[in-house]
């Protein structure tokens, strides 16, 4: 059975997301997994918590298989972060599911735009965002791993961000 859980950054369900992201980024960009894990941990947990942010984990039969997060970028914009699918569960549409669930929550919170960046060695992420209607921005952001590719998506909700809790899926 597949379930979607809205969790805090320190929830045990989120641990595989952060661990596997660290390993994935390490193999793609050359830093150690421990260095990347430490960098991911520097983001305050409050950034990915209501009312401005959120983090979700998808489980199948109790096992975390995918997840992602968002945080406030500016008053009208949410920034996607940490989109992940477990290596053994890729190519099954879980990335699209995570993205759709995050977009639903972001829209519910009243944001009007979504912003994200993805790295130069993540062509499958670029393909996911293109397929989901995101627009590649002209500017390129220089980063230690190379040129980051920024994307945006206009939500046209017409409402200001609202505060409030997350909707739990079980």
N, C-alpha and C. Protein backbone atom coordinates (compact mmCIF):
# COMPACT_ATOMS: atom_id res chain seq x y z
N UNK A 1 0.84 -1.18 0.00
CA UNK A 1 0.00 0.00 0.00
C UNK A 1 0.89 1.24 0.00
N UNK A 2 0.54 2.20 -0.82
CA UNK A 2 1.28 3.46 -0.92
C UNK A 2 0.60 4.51 -0.06
N UNK A 3 1.42 5.25 0.70
CA UNK A 3 0.92 6.32 1.55
C UNK A 3 1.80 7.55 1.40
N UNK A 4 1.18 8.70 1.63
CA UNK A 4 1.91 9.97 1.59
C UNK A 4 1.86 10.57 2.98
N UNK A 5 3.03 10.86 3.52
CA UNK A 5 3.15 11.38 4.88
C UNK A 5 3.75 12.77 4.83
N UNK A 6 3.12 13.73 5.49
CA UNK A 6 3.70 15.06 5.67
C UNK A 6 4.43 15.01 7.00
N UNK A 7 5.73 15.21 6.97
CA UNK A 7 6.57 14.98 8.14
C UNK A 7 7.50 16.16 8.40
N UNK A 8 8.11 16.14 9.57
CA UNK A 8 9.16 17.10 9.90
C UNK A 8 10.49 16.56 9.40
N UNK A 9 11.45 17.45 9.25
CA UNK A 9 12.77 17.07 8.73
C UNK A 9 13.45 16.01 9.59
N UNK A 10 13.19 16.01 10.90
CA UNK A 10 13.84 15.04 11.78
C UNK A 10 13.02 13.77 11.99
N UNK A 11 11.92 13.62 11.27
CA UNK A 11 11.11 12.41 11.36
C UNK A 11 11.92 11.23 10.80
N UNK A 12 11.85 10.07 11.43
CA UNK A 12 12.58 8.90 10.92
C UNK A 12 12.24 8.54 9.47
N UNK A 13 11.02 8.85 9.01
CA UNK A 13 10.68 8.57 7.62
C UNK A 13 11.50 9.42 6.64
N UNK A 14 11.97 10.59 7.07
CA UNK A 14 12.75 11.47 6.20
C UNK A 14 14.22 11.06 6.14
N UNK A 15 14.70 10.27 7.07
CA UNK A 15 16.13 9.91 7.12
C UNK A 15 16.62 9.25 5.82
N UNK A 16 15.90 8.28 5.24
CA UNK A 16 16.39 7.70 3.98
C UNK A 16 16.48 8.71 2.85
N UNK A 17 15.55 9.67 2.81
CA UNK A 17 15.58 10.72 1.80
C UNK A 17 16.90 11.47 1.88
N UNK A 18 17.26 11.93 3.07
CA UNK A 18 18.49 12.71 3.24
C UNK A 18 19.74 11.85 3.02
N UNK A 19 19.71 10.62 3.48
CA UNK A 19 20.86 9.73 3.31
C UNK A 19 21.09 9.40 1.85
N UNK A 20 20.03 9.01 1.14
CA UNK A 20 20.19 8.66 -0.27
C UNK A 20 20.49 9.87 -1.14
N UNK A 21 19.94 11.03 -0.82
CA UNK A 21 20.30 12.24 -1.56
C UNK A 21 21.79 12.51 -1.41
N UNK A 22 22.30 12.34 -0.22
CA UNK A 22 23.73 12.57 0.03
C UNK A 22 24.59 11.64 -0.82
N UNK A 23 24.21 10.39 -0.87
CA UNK A 23 24.95 9.41 -1.68
C UNK A 23 24.83 9.74 -3.15
N UNK A 24 23.62 10.05 -3.60
CA UNK A 24 23.38 10.37 -5.01
C UNK A 24 24.20 11.58 -5.45
N UNK A 25 24.14 12.66 -4.66
CA UNK A 25 24.88 13.86 -5.01
C UNK A 25 26.38 13.61 -4.95
N UNK A 26 26.82 12.78 -4.04
CA UNK A 26 28.23 12.44 -3.93
C UNK A 26 28.73 11.75 -5.19
N UNK A 27 27.95 10.78 -5.70
CA UNK A 27 28.38 10.07 -6.91
C UNK A 27 28.34 10.97 -8.14
N UNK A 28 27.45 11.94 -8.14
CA UNK A 28 27.35 12.82 -9.32
C UNK A 28 28.30 14.00 -9.28
N UNK A 29 28.62 14.49 -8.07
CA UNK A 29 29.37 15.74 -7.98
C UNK A 29 30.70 15.63 -7.24
N UNK A 30 31.06 14.45 -6.75
CA UNK A 30 32.40 14.23 -6.28
C UNK A 30 32.73 14.55 -4.83
N UNK A 31 31.84 15.14 -4.09
CA UNK A 31 32.10 15.36 -2.67
C UNK A 31 31.71 14.12 -1.90
N UNK A 32 32.11 14.02 -0.65
CA UNK A 32 31.74 12.84 0.12
C UNK A 32 30.28 12.94 0.54
N UNK A 33 29.68 11.78 0.76
CA UNK A 33 28.29 11.75 1.21
C UNK A 33 28.15 12.45 2.55
N UNK A 34 29.14 12.30 3.41
CA UNK A 34 29.10 12.95 4.73
C UNK A 34 29.10 14.47 4.59
N UNK A 35 29.91 15.00 3.68
CA UNK A 35 29.94 16.45 3.46
C UNK A 35 28.58 16.95 2.97
N UNK A 36 28.00 16.22 2.06
CA UNK A 36 26.71 16.64 1.51
C UNK A 36 25.62 16.51 2.57
N UNK A 37 25.66 15.44 3.34
CA UNK A 37 24.67 15.25 4.41
C UNK A 37 24.76 16.41 5.40
N UNK A 38 26.00 16.81 5.74
CA UNK A 38 26.19 17.95 6.65
C UNK A 38 25.61 19.22 6.06
N UNK A 39 25.81 19.41 4.75
CA UNK A 39 25.27 20.60 4.08
C UNK A 39 23.74 20.58 4.10
N UNK A 40 23.14 19.43 3.81
CA UNK A 40 21.68 19.33 3.85
C UNK A 40 21.15 19.63 5.25
N UNK A 41 21.91 19.23 6.26
CA UNK A 41 21.49 19.44 7.64
C UNK A 41 21.62 20.90 8.08
N UNK A 42 22.33 21.74 7.30
CA UNK A 42 22.47 23.14 7.69
C UNK A 42 21.20 23.94 7.45
N UNK A 43 20.30 23.42 6.61
CA UNK A 43 19.03 24.10 6.41
C UNK A 43 18.20 23.94 7.68
N UNK A 44 17.75 25.02 8.28
CA UNK A 44 16.92 24.88 9.48
C UNK A 44 15.64 24.10 9.18
N UNK A 45 15.30 23.18 10.07
CA UNK A 45 14.10 22.36 9.89
C UNK A 45 12.85 23.22 9.74
N UNK A 46 12.83 24.37 10.39
CA UNK A 46 11.66 25.26 10.32
C UNK A 46 11.38 25.73 8.90
N UNK A 47 12.40 25.78 8.03
CA UNK A 47 12.18 26.20 6.65
C UNK A 47 11.29 25.22 5.89
N UNK A 48 11.29 23.95 6.31
CA UNK A 48 10.51 22.92 5.63
C UNK A 48 9.30 22.49 6.45
N UNK A 49 8.83 23.40 7.29
CA UNK A 49 7.68 23.12 8.16
C UNK A 49 6.60 24.16 7.91
N UNK A 50 5.35 23.80 8.21
CA UNK A 50 4.27 24.77 8.10
C UNK A 50 4.53 25.97 9.00
N UNK A 51 4.06 27.12 8.65
CA UNK A 51 3.13 27.38 7.56
C UNK A 51 3.80 27.69 6.22
N UNK A 52 5.09 27.90 6.20
CA UNK A 52 5.75 28.34 4.96
C UNK A 52 6.31 27.22 4.11
N UNK A 53 6.56 26.07 4.70
CA UNK A 53 7.18 24.98 3.97
C UNK A 53 6.52 23.65 4.28
N UNK A 54 7.09 22.62 3.70
CA UNK A 54 6.57 21.28 3.94
C UNK A 54 7.54 20.24 3.42
N UNK A 55 7.43 19.05 3.96
CA UNK A 55 8.25 17.92 3.53
C UNK A 55 7.34 16.71 3.51
N UNK A 56 7.39 15.95 2.44
CA UNK A 56 6.58 14.75 2.37
C UNK A 56 7.43 13.55 2.00
N UNK A 57 6.98 12.41 2.45
CA UNK A 57 7.63 11.14 2.15
C UNK A 57 6.55 10.17 1.68
N UNK A 58 6.84 9.48 0.59
CA UNK A 58 5.96 8.45 0.07
C UNK A 58 6.50 7.11 0.56
N UNK A 59 5.61 6.31 1.14
CA UNK A 59 6.02 4.96 1.56
C UNK A 59 5.20 3.93 0.79
N UNK A 60 5.82 2.78 0.60
CA UNK A 60 5.12 1.62 0.06
C UNK A 60 5.38 0.48 1.03
N UNK A 61 4.32 -0.07 1.59
CA UNK A 61 4.42 -1.14 2.58
C UNK A 61 5.34 -0.72 3.73
N UNK A 62 5.24 0.57 4.12
CA UNK A 62 5.99 1.11 5.25
C UNK A 62 7.41 1.55 4.93
N UNK A 63 7.88 1.32 3.73
CA UNK A 63 9.25 1.68 3.34
C UNK A 63 9.25 3.02 2.61
N UNK A 64 10.08 3.98 3.04
CA UNK A 64 10.19 5.25 2.30
C UNK A 64 10.78 5.01 0.91
N UNK A 65 10.06 5.47 -0.13
CA UNK A 65 10.51 5.24 -1.50
C UNK A 65 10.69 6.52 -2.30
N UNK A 66 10.15 7.63 -1.82
CA UNK A 66 10.28 8.90 -2.55
C UNK A 66 9.91 10.03 -1.59
N UNK A 67 10.29 11.23 -1.97
CA UNK A 67 9.94 12.38 -1.14
C UNK A 67 10.38 13.68 -1.77
N UNK A 68 10.11 14.74 -1.05
CA UNK A 68 10.50 16.06 -1.50
C UNK A 68 10.04 17.10 -0.51
N UNK A 69 10.51 18.33 -0.72
CA UNK A 69 10.21 19.40 0.22
C UNK A 69 10.06 20.72 -0.53
N UNK A 70 9.50 21.68 0.19
CA UNK A 70 9.48 23.06 -0.29
C UNK A 70 9.64 23.98 0.89
N UNK A 71 10.08 25.19 0.56
CA UNK A 71 10.22 26.24 1.56
C UNK A 71 9.85 27.57 0.90
N UNK A 72 9.65 28.59 1.72
CA UNK A 72 9.33 29.92 1.19
C UNK A 72 10.57 30.48 0.49
N UNK A 73 10.39 30.94 -0.73
CA UNK A 73 11.45 31.62 -1.47
C UNK A 73 11.26 33.12 -1.35
N UNK A 74 10.02 33.57 -1.55
CA UNK A 74 9.62 34.94 -1.27
C UNK A 74 8.13 34.92 -0.96
N UNK A 75 7.53 36.07 -0.79
CA UNK A 75 6.13 36.13 -0.33
C UNK A 75 5.16 35.37 -1.22
N UNK A 76 5.45 35.27 -2.51
CA UNK A 76 4.54 34.62 -3.45
C UNK A 76 5.09 33.32 -4.04
N UNK A 77 6.30 32.94 -3.66
CA UNK A 77 7.00 31.84 -4.33
C UNK A 77 7.48 30.78 -3.33
N UNK A 78 7.20 29.54 -3.66
CA UNK A 78 7.74 28.40 -2.92
C UNK A 78 8.92 27.85 -3.72
N UNK A 79 9.93 27.37 -3.02
CA UNK A 79 11.10 26.77 -3.67
C UNK A 79 11.11 25.27 -3.39
N UNK A 80 11.15 24.47 -4.46
CA UNK A 80 11.25 23.02 -4.30
C UNK A 80 12.68 22.64 -3.95
N UNK A 81 12.80 21.67 -3.04
CA UNK A 81 14.10 21.15 -2.62
C UNK A 81 13.96 19.65 -2.39
N UNK A 82 15.06 18.95 -2.48
CA UNK A 82 15.18 17.56 -2.01
C UNK A 82 14.22 16.57 -2.66
N UNK A 83 13.95 16.75 -3.94
CA UNK A 83 13.11 15.79 -4.64
C UNK A 83 13.93 14.50 -4.80
N UNK A 84 13.37 13.37 -4.37
CA UNK A 84 14.14 12.13 -4.31
C UNK A 84 13.26 10.93 -4.58
N UNK A 85 13.81 9.96 -5.28
CA UNK A 85 13.21 8.63 -5.43
C UNK A 85 14.29 7.61 -5.13
N UNK A 86 13.98 6.63 -4.30
CA UNK A 86 14.94 5.59 -3.95
C UNK A 86 15.41 4.87 -5.22
N UNK A 87 16.68 4.56 -5.26
CA UNK A 87 17.29 3.95 -6.45
C UNK A 87 16.50 2.74 -6.95
N UNK A 88 16.07 1.88 -6.08
CA UNK A 88 15.36 0.67 -6.49
C UNK A 88 13.92 0.88 -6.90
N UNK A 89 13.44 2.13 -6.85
CA UNK A 89 12.03 2.41 -7.16
C UNK A 89 11.89 3.45 -8.28
N UNK A 90 12.93 3.70 -9.01
CA UNK A 90 12.88 4.71 -10.08
C UNK A 90 12.17 4.16 -11.31
N UNK A 91 11.75 5.10 -12.15
CA UNK A 91 11.08 4.82 -13.42
C UNK A 91 9.70 4.19 -13.21
N UNK A 92 9.07 4.58 -12.09
CA UNK A 92 7.72 4.11 -11.77
C UNK A 92 6.75 5.26 -11.58
N UNK A 93 7.17 6.48 -11.89
CA UNK A 93 6.28 7.64 -11.75
C UNK A 93 6.25 8.26 -10.37
N UNK A 94 7.12 7.82 -9.47
CA UNK A 94 7.11 8.37 -8.12
C UNK A 94 7.56 9.82 -8.08
N UNK A 95 8.51 10.19 -8.93
CA UNK A 95 8.94 11.60 -9.00
C UNK A 95 7.78 12.50 -9.41
N UNK A 96 7.01 12.06 -10.38
CA UNK A 96 5.82 12.83 -10.81
C UNK A 96 4.80 12.91 -9.69
N UNK A 97 4.63 11.80 -8.95
CA UNK A 97 3.70 11.80 -7.83
C UNK A 97 4.13 12.79 -6.76
N UNK A 98 5.41 12.77 -6.39
CA UNK A 98 5.93 13.70 -5.39
C UNK A 98 5.73 15.13 -5.85
N UNK A 99 6.09 15.41 -7.09
CA UNK A 99 5.95 16.75 -7.63
C UNK A 99 4.49 17.20 -7.59
N UNK A 100 3.58 16.36 -8.00
CA UNK A 100 2.15 16.70 -7.99
C UNK A 100 1.65 16.96 -6.57
N UNK A 101 2.06 16.13 -5.62
CA UNK A 101 1.63 16.32 -4.23
C UNK A 101 2.19 17.62 -3.66
N UNK A 102 3.46 17.90 -3.95
CA UNK A 102 4.05 19.16 -3.48
C UNK A 102 3.34 20.36 -4.10
N UNK A 103 3.05 20.29 -5.39
CA UNK A 103 2.35 21.39 -6.06
C UNK A 103 0.97 21.61 -5.44
N UNK A 104 0.27 20.53 -5.12
CA UNK A 104 -1.05 20.64 -4.49
C UNK A 104 -0.93 21.36 -3.15
N UNK A 105 0.04 20.97 -2.34
CA UNK A 105 0.21 21.60 -1.03
C UNK A 105 0.66 23.05 -1.18
N UNK A 106 1.55 23.32 -2.11
CA UNK A 106 2.01 24.69 -2.35
C UNK A 106 0.85 25.58 -2.79
N UNK A 107 0.02 25.06 -3.66
CA UNK A 107 -1.16 25.81 -4.11
C UNK A 107 -2.12 26.04 -2.95
N UNK A 108 -2.34 25.01 -2.15
CA UNK A 108 -3.22 25.13 -0.99
C UNK A 108 -2.73 26.21 -0.04
N UNK A 109 -1.43 26.37 0.06
CA UNK A 109 -0.85 27.38 0.94
C UNK A 109 -0.93 28.78 0.35
N UNK A 110 -1.38 28.89 -0.90
CA UNK A 110 -1.60 30.20 -1.50
C UNK A 110 -0.44 30.77 -2.29
N UNK A 111 0.62 30.00 -2.46
CA UNK A 111 1.72 30.51 -3.29
C UNK A 111 1.26 30.63 -4.73
N UNK A 112 1.86 31.57 -5.46
CA UNK A 112 1.49 31.81 -6.84
C UNK A 112 2.53 31.31 -7.84
N UNK A 113 3.69 30.94 -7.33
CA UNK A 113 4.80 30.55 -8.21
C UNK A 113 5.66 29.52 -7.48
N UNK A 114 6.25 28.61 -8.27
CA UNK A 114 7.22 27.66 -7.74
C UNK A 114 8.54 27.90 -8.46
N UNK A 115 9.61 27.88 -7.70
CA UNK A 115 10.96 28.07 -8.21
C UNK A 115 11.80 26.87 -7.77
N UNK A 116 12.77 26.50 -8.58
CA UNK A 116 13.70 25.45 -8.21
C UNK A 116 14.97 25.57 -9.04
N UNK A 117 16.01 24.94 -8.55
CA UNK A 117 17.23 24.77 -9.35
C UNK A 117 17.59 23.30 -9.33
N UNK A 118 18.21 22.85 -10.41
CA UNK A 118 18.72 21.49 -10.46
C UNK A 118 20.12 21.53 -11.03
N UNK A 119 20.90 20.53 -10.68
CA UNK A 119 22.31 20.53 -11.05
C UNK A 119 22.58 20.08 -12.47
N UNK A 120 23.81 20.33 -12.94
CA UNK A 120 24.16 20.03 -14.31
C UNK A 120 24.26 18.53 -14.61
N UNK A 121 24.34 17.70 -13.60
CA UNK A 121 24.47 16.26 -13.80
C UNK A 121 23.20 15.52 -13.40
N UNK A 122 22.06 16.17 -13.61
CA UNK A 122 20.77 15.57 -13.26
C UNK A 122 19.79 15.70 -14.43
N UNK A 123 20.11 15.08 -15.56
CA UNK A 123 19.24 15.24 -16.74
C UNK A 123 17.83 14.69 -16.53
N UNK A 124 17.69 13.67 -15.67
CA UNK A 124 16.34 13.14 -15.42
C UNK A 124 15.49 14.14 -14.66
N UNK A 125 16.12 14.96 -13.81
CA UNK A 125 15.37 16.01 -13.11
C UNK A 125 14.91 17.08 -14.10
N UNK A 126 15.80 17.46 -15.00
CA UNK A 126 15.43 18.44 -16.04
C UNK A 126 14.25 17.90 -16.84
N UNK A 127 14.29 16.63 -17.22
CA UNK A 127 13.20 16.03 -17.99
C UNK A 127 11.90 16.03 -17.19
N UNK A 128 11.97 15.72 -15.90
CA UNK A 128 10.78 15.72 -15.04
C UNK A 128 10.15 17.10 -15.00
N UNK A 129 10.95 18.12 -14.76
CA UNK A 129 10.41 19.48 -14.65
C UNK A 129 9.87 19.97 -15.98
N UNK A 130 10.55 19.66 -17.07
CA UNK A 130 10.03 20.04 -18.39
C UNK A 130 8.68 19.36 -18.64
N UNK A 131 8.58 18.08 -18.34
CA UNK A 131 7.34 17.33 -18.57
C UNK A 131 6.20 17.83 -17.69
N UNK A 132 6.54 18.39 -16.52
CA UNK A 132 5.51 18.87 -15.59
C UNK A 132 5.13 20.32 -15.82
N UNK A 133 5.61 20.91 -16.91
CA UNK A 133 5.18 22.26 -17.26
C UNK A 133 6.01 23.38 -16.66
N UNK A 134 7.18 23.07 -16.14
CA UNK A 134 8.06 24.11 -15.62
C UNK A 134 8.79 24.77 -16.80
N UNK A 135 9.11 26.05 -16.63
CA UNK A 135 9.81 26.82 -17.65
C UNK A 135 11.25 27.03 -17.21
N UNK A 136 12.18 26.66 -18.06
CA UNK A 136 13.59 26.91 -17.78
C UNK A 136 13.83 28.41 -17.86
N UNK A 137 14.51 28.95 -16.87
CA UNK A 137 14.83 30.37 -16.86
C UNK A 137 16.12 30.60 -17.63
N UNK A 138 16.23 31.75 -18.24
CA UNK A 138 17.39 32.07 -19.07
C UNK A 138 18.69 32.12 -18.28
N UNK A 139 18.61 32.65 -17.07
CA UNK A 139 19.84 32.83 -16.31
C UNK A 139 20.37 31.49 -15.80
N UNK A 140 21.66 31.43 -15.65
CA UNK A 140 22.33 30.26 -15.10
C UNK A 140 23.01 30.70 -13.82
N UNK A 141 22.97 29.85 -12.81
CA UNK A 141 23.55 30.17 -11.52
C UNK A 141 24.84 29.39 -11.36
N UNK A 142 25.93 30.11 -11.17
CA UNK A 142 27.22 29.44 -10.96
C UNK A 142 27.27 28.89 -9.55
N UNK A 143 27.70 27.65 -9.42
CA UNK A 143 27.77 26.97 -8.13
C UNK A 143 29.02 26.11 -8.14
N UNK A 144 29.47 25.67 -6.99
CA UNK A 144 30.68 24.86 -6.92
C UNK A 144 30.56 23.56 -7.71
N UNK A 145 29.36 23.05 -7.93
CA UNK A 145 29.18 21.81 -8.69
C UNK A 145 29.04 22.06 -10.19
N UNK A 146 28.95 23.31 -10.58
CA UNK A 146 28.76 23.66 -11.98
C UNK A 146 27.61 24.64 -12.11
N UNK A 147 27.09 24.73 -13.28
CA UNK A 147 25.99 25.66 -13.55
C UNK A 147 24.65 25.03 -13.19
N UNK A 148 23.97 25.67 -12.26
CA UNK A 148 22.64 25.20 -11.87
C UNK A 148 21.61 25.71 -12.87
N UNK A 149 20.61 24.88 -13.11
CA UNK A 149 19.54 25.23 -14.04
C UNK A 149 18.30 25.63 -13.26
N UNK A 150 17.93 26.91 -13.30
CA UNK A 150 16.71 27.33 -12.59
C UNK A 150 15.46 27.15 -13.45
N UNK A 151 14.36 26.81 -12.77
CA UNK A 151 13.06 26.63 -13.40
C UNK A 151 12.02 27.36 -12.58
N UNK A 152 10.89 27.66 -13.21
CA UNK A 152 9.75 28.22 -12.49
C UNK A 152 8.46 27.68 -13.08
N UNK A 153 7.43 27.80 -12.27
CA UNK A 153 6.08 27.46 -12.73
C UNK A 153 5.13 28.44 -12.07
N UNK A 154 4.30 29.10 -12.87
CA UNK A 154 3.29 30.01 -12.37
C UNK A 154 2.06 29.20 -12.01
N UNK A 155 1.51 29.44 -10.82
CA UNK A 155 0.35 28.69 -10.35
C UNK A 155 -0.95 29.44 -10.54
N UNK A 156 -0.90 30.76 -10.65
CA UNK A 156 -2.09 31.57 -10.88
C UNK A 156 -3.21 31.29 -9.87
N UNK A 157 -2.85 31.20 -8.61
CA UNK A 157 -3.87 30.97 -7.59
C UNK A 157 -4.59 32.25 -7.22
N UNK A 158 -3.92 33.39 -7.39
CA UNK A 158 -4.54 34.67 -7.09
C UNK A 158 -4.71 34.95 -5.61
N UNK A 159 -4.13 34.13 -4.75
CA UNK A 159 -4.29 34.33 -3.31
C UNK A 159 -2.93 34.50 -2.65
N UNK A 160 -2.92 35.20 -1.55
CA UNK A 160 -1.69 35.33 -0.77
C UNK A 160 -1.47 34.05 0.03
N UNK A 161 -0.22 33.72 0.35
CA UNK A 161 0.03 32.50 1.14
C UNK A 161 -0.73 32.52 2.45
N UNK A 162 -1.27 31.37 2.81
CA UNK A 162 -2.00 31.21 4.06
C UNK A 162 -1.15 30.43 5.04
N UNK A 163 -1.40 30.66 6.30
CA UNK A 163 -0.76 29.82 7.30
C UNK A 163 -1.71 28.68 7.61
N UNK A 164 -1.18 27.70 8.31
CA UNK A 164 -2.02 26.56 8.67
C UNK A 164 -1.23 25.29 8.63
N UNK A 165 -1.81 24.24 9.09
CA UNK A 165 -1.14 22.95 9.17
C UNK A 165 -1.15 22.24 7.84
N UNK A 166 -0.48 21.12 7.81
CA UNK A 166 -0.47 20.30 6.61
C UNK A 166 -1.57 19.26 6.69
N UNK A 167 -1.95 18.78 5.57
CA UNK A 167 -2.95 17.71 5.50
C UNK A 167 -2.20 16.39 5.57
N UNK A 168 -2.53 15.56 6.49
CA UNK A 168 -1.87 14.27 6.66
C UNK A 168 -2.57 13.24 5.78
N UNK A 169 -1.79 12.45 5.07
CA UNK A 169 -2.31 11.35 4.27
C UNK A 169 -1.85 10.06 4.93
N UNK A 170 -2.75 9.18 5.18
CA UNK A 170 -2.37 7.88 5.74
C UNK A 170 -3.03 6.77 4.99
